[in-house]
Amino acid sequence: MPETLDRPPGAALSTLPGASILRRTRSLLVCALGTGFVYSMLSVASKGGCPGGATGDGGFLDADGQATDVAPNCITVTLQPSTIVYLAIAVIVLVAISRVLRTAASEAAALRTLDRAAIMLVAVTATWLVITQVSFWLIPLDQWDGGEFFPIPFTFGTIDVDISPMQQG
């Protein structure tokens, strides 16, 4: 790759040596914050169900449809963001800045390193988000028997399980 800048510096850019590297580093930090924020918003989900129900006279039905006086248990499974992603974002940013400081032989090489780190941030976070959502929505709630225990298969997010008696009303 050529050791020249892809585009000339803008007129508003400081004449300080390394100003374009500082600007690109700032862009990387903004990208990291934005990626973390978007991940936080899109990696939240919940689903639930009850293997029974209520009758019209105020009683309850169990999972087999038989009348019972005991309220059946209901389950709610909630997906929350994984701290691993935030750690990965921080590591990518710190490694990119360290590589620029240690190994960049020119301004163009430093800018390429920072640009690749920004691409990696988005790619890693988006991939983790898709895998997390798919693994969450594949949790088989319909196989739960209404007991006090619900095994969670391996997922890529933080999962909270709440088992509580069905509320009437």
Protein backbone atom coordinates (compact mmCIF):
# COMPACT_ATOMS: atom_id res chain seq x y z
CA MET A 1 0.00 0.00 0.00
CA PRO A 2 1.29 3.46 -0.71
CA GLU A 3 2.60 5.48 2.17
CA THR A 4 0.57 8.55 1.24
CA LEU A 5 -2.64 9.85 2.68
CA ASP A 6 -5.80 8.81 0.89
CA ARG A 7 -7.10 12.36 0.94
CA PRO A 8 -5.44 15.65 1.71
CA PRO A 9 -6.04 17.19 5.13
CA GLY A 10 -8.96 19.59 5.31
CA ALA A 11 -8.52 23.33 5.72
CA ALA A 12 -10.01 23.18 9.22
CA LEU A 13 -7.46 20.60 10.34
CA SER A 14 -4.78 21.81 12.70
CA THR A 15 -1.25 22.07 11.40
CA LEU A 16 -0.08 20.24 14.51
CA PRO A 17 2.04 17.22 13.54
CA GLY A 18 -0.11 14.11 13.91
CA ALA A 19 -3.40 16.03 13.95
CA SER A 20 -4.99 13.64 11.45
CA ILE A 21 -4.00 10.68 13.64
CA LEU A 22 -5.56 12.36 16.65
CA ARG A 23 -8.71 13.05 14.65
CA ARG A 24 -8.91 9.42 13.52
CA THR A 25 -8.29 8.23 17.10
CA ARG A 26 -11.16 10.43 18.24
CA SER A 27 -13.32 8.89 15.51
CA LEU A 28 -12.37 5.43 16.75
CA LEU A 29 -13.41 6.35 20.30
CA VAL A 30 -16.73 7.77 19.05
CA CYS A 31 -17.25 4.58 17.04
CA ALA A 32 -16.55 2.49 20.15
CA LEU A 33 -19.03 4.49 22.23
CA GLY A 34 -21.66 4.36 19.49
CA THR A 35 -21.19 0.64 18.96
CA GLY A 36 -21.49 0.01 22.69
CA PHE A 37 -24.66 2.10 22.88
CA VAL A 38 -26.29 0.36 19.90
CA TYR A 39 -25.32 -3.04 21.32
CA SER A 40 -26.88 -2.08 24.66
CA MET A 41 -30.14 -1.16 22.95
CA LEU A 42 -30.39 -4.17 20.63
CA SER A 43 -29.24 -6.92 22.99
CA VAL A 44 -32.24 -6.75 25.32
CA ALA A 45 -35.16 -9.15 24.91
CA SER A 46 -37.57 -11.23 26.95
CA LYS A 47 -40.07 -14.00 26.49
CA GLY A 48 -42.17 -16.10 28.80
CA GLY A 49 -45.03 -18.49 29.18
CA CYS A 50 -47.18 -20.52 31.52
CA PRO A 51 -47.83 -24.25 31.00
CA GLY A 52 -51.33 -23.90 32.40
CA GLY A 53 -54.03 -21.33 32.66
CA ALA A 54 -57.01 -19.95 34.51
CA THR A 55 -60.63 -21.08 34.44
CA GLY A 56 -63.64 -18.80 34.24
CA ASP A 57 -64.64 -19.52 37.85
CA GLY A 58 -61.33 -18.36 39.36
CA GLY A 59 -59.58 -21.74 39.42
CA PHE A 60 -56.46 -22.85 37.61
CA LEU A 61 -55.54 -25.40 34.96
CA ASP A 62 -52.31 -27.39 35.02
CA ALA A 63 -50.14 -28.14 31.98
CA ASP A 64 -52.38 -31.10 31.07
CA GLY A 65 -55.58 -29.00 31.14
CA GLN A 66 -56.82 -30.51 34.40
CA ALA A 67 -58.46 -28.26 37.02
CA THR A 68 -56.32 -27.57 40.07
CA ASP A 69 -56.39 -25.26 43.08
CA VAL A 70 -52.66 -24.53 42.86
CA ALA A 71 -51.54 -21.73 40.57
CA PRO A 72 -49.22 -23.08 37.86
CA ASN A 73 -45.73 -21.66 37.61
CA CYS A 74 -44.89 -19.19 34.85
CA ILE A 75 -41.47 -18.49 33.43
CA THR A 76 -39.94 -15.29 32.11
CA VAL A 77 -36.54 -15.38 30.43
CA THR A 78 -34.77 -12.04 29.97
CA LEU A 79 -31.73 -11.34 27.79
CA GLN A 80 -29.33 -8.59 28.85
CA PRO A 81 -26.10 -7.31 27.29
CA SER A 82 -22.97 -9.33 27.92
CA THR A 83 -20.03 -7.62 29.59
CA ILE A 84 -17.71 -9.60 27.31
CA VAL A 85 -18.68 -7.35 24.41
CA TYR A 86 -17.81 -4.18 26.31
CA LEU A 87 -14.49 -5.74 27.28
CA ALA A 88 -13.83 -6.68 23.63
CA ILE A 89 -14.59 -3.10 22.52
CA ALA A 90 -12.12 -1.72 25.07
CA VAL A 91 -9.43 -4.26 24.11
CA ILE A 92 -9.79 -3.50 20.38
CA VAL A 93 -9.42 0.24 20.99
CA LEU A 94 -6.44 -0.14 23.33
CA VAL A 95 -4.66 -2.61 21.05
CA ALA A 96 -5.18 -0.34 18.03
CA ILE A 97 -3.80 2.71 19.84
CA SER A 98 -0.85 0.65 21.15
CA ARG A 99 -0.09 -0.65 17.65
CA VAL A 100 -0.13 2.88 16.27
CA LEU A 101 2.29 4.00 18.97
CA ARG A 102 4.63 1.01 18.60
CA THR A 103 4.63 -0.12 15.00
CA ALA A 104 3.19 2.52 12.68
CA ALA A 105 5.99 3.55 10.34
CA SER A 106 4.04 6.40 8.77
CA GLU A 107 0.93 8.47 9.15
CA ALA A 108 -0.84 6.41 6.48
CA ALA A 109 -0.03 3.17 8.33
CA ALA A 110 -1.38 4.63 11.56
CA LEU A 111 -4.60 5.71 9.86
CA ARG A 112 -5.03 2.25 8.31
CA THR A 113 -4.60 0.62 11.73
CA LEU A 114 -7.22 2.89 13.29
CA ASP A 115 -9.64 2.35 10.38
CA ARG A 116 -9.26 -1.42 10.62
CA ALA A 117 -9.92 -1.25 14.36
CA ALA A 118 -13.17 0.64 13.72
CA ILE A 119 -14.26 -1.99 11.20
CA MET A 120 -13.34 -4.74 13.65
CA LEU A 121 -15.38 -3.04 16.41
CA VAL A 122 -18.51 -3.01 14.31
CA ALA A 123 -17.98 -6.52 12.92
CA VAL A 124 -17.31 -8.17 16.29
CA THR A 125 -20.22 -6.42 17.99
CA ALA A 126 -22.67 -7.11 15.15
CA THR A 127 -21.66 -10.77 14.96
CA TRP A 128 -21.96 -11.21 18.72
CA LEU A 129 -25.36 -9.48 18.67
CA VAL A 130 -26.75 -11.75 15.94
CA ILE A 131 -25.45 -14.91 17.63
CA THR A 132 -26.84 -13.72 20.98
CA GLN A 133 -30.30 -13.00 19.60
CA VAL A 134 -30.48 -16.28 17.68
CA SER A 135 -29.33 -18.34 20.68
CA PHE A 136 -31.85 -16.53 22.92
CA TRP A 137 -34.84 -17.05 20.64
CA LEU A 138 -33.93 -20.74 20.28
CA ILE A 139 -34.38 -21.35 24.03
CA PRO A 140 -37.17 -23.98 24.14
CA LEU A 141 -39.73 -22.58 26.62
CA ASP A 142 -42.38 -24.99 25.35
CA GLN A 143 -40.38 -27.93 26.73
CA TRP A 144 -40.54 -26.60 30.31
CA ASP A 145 -42.77 -28.77 32.51
CA GLY A 146 -43.74 -26.06 35.01
CA GLY A 147 -41.32 -27.20 37.71
CA GLU A 148 -38.99 -25.10 39.79
CA PHE A 149 -35.98 -25.68 37.54
CA PHE A 150 -35.40 -24.56 33.96
CA PRO A 151 -32.05 -25.43 32.36
CA ILE A 152 -30.70 -22.73 30.08
CA PRO A 153 -28.67 -23.98 27.11
CA PHE A 154 -25.47 -22.14 26.20
CA THR A 155 -26.20 -18.62 24.99
CA PHE A 156 -23.95 -15.68 24.20
CA GLY A 157 -25.80 -13.18 26.37
CA THR A 158 -26.61 -12.74 30.02
CA ILE A 159 -29.86 -14.59 30.78
CA ASP A 160 -32.09 -14.08 33.81
CA VAL A 161 -34.76 -16.69 34.58
CA ASP A 162 -37.77 -15.82 36.75
CA ILE A 163 -40.14 -18.61 37.80
CA SER A 164 -43.19 -17.47 39.72
CA PRO A 165 -46.81 -18.57 40.28
CA MET A 166 -49.38 -17.40 37.77
CA GLN A 167 -51.13 -14.20 38.78
CA GLN A 168 -54.89 -14.15 38.58
CA GLY A 169 -56.67 -11.13 37.27
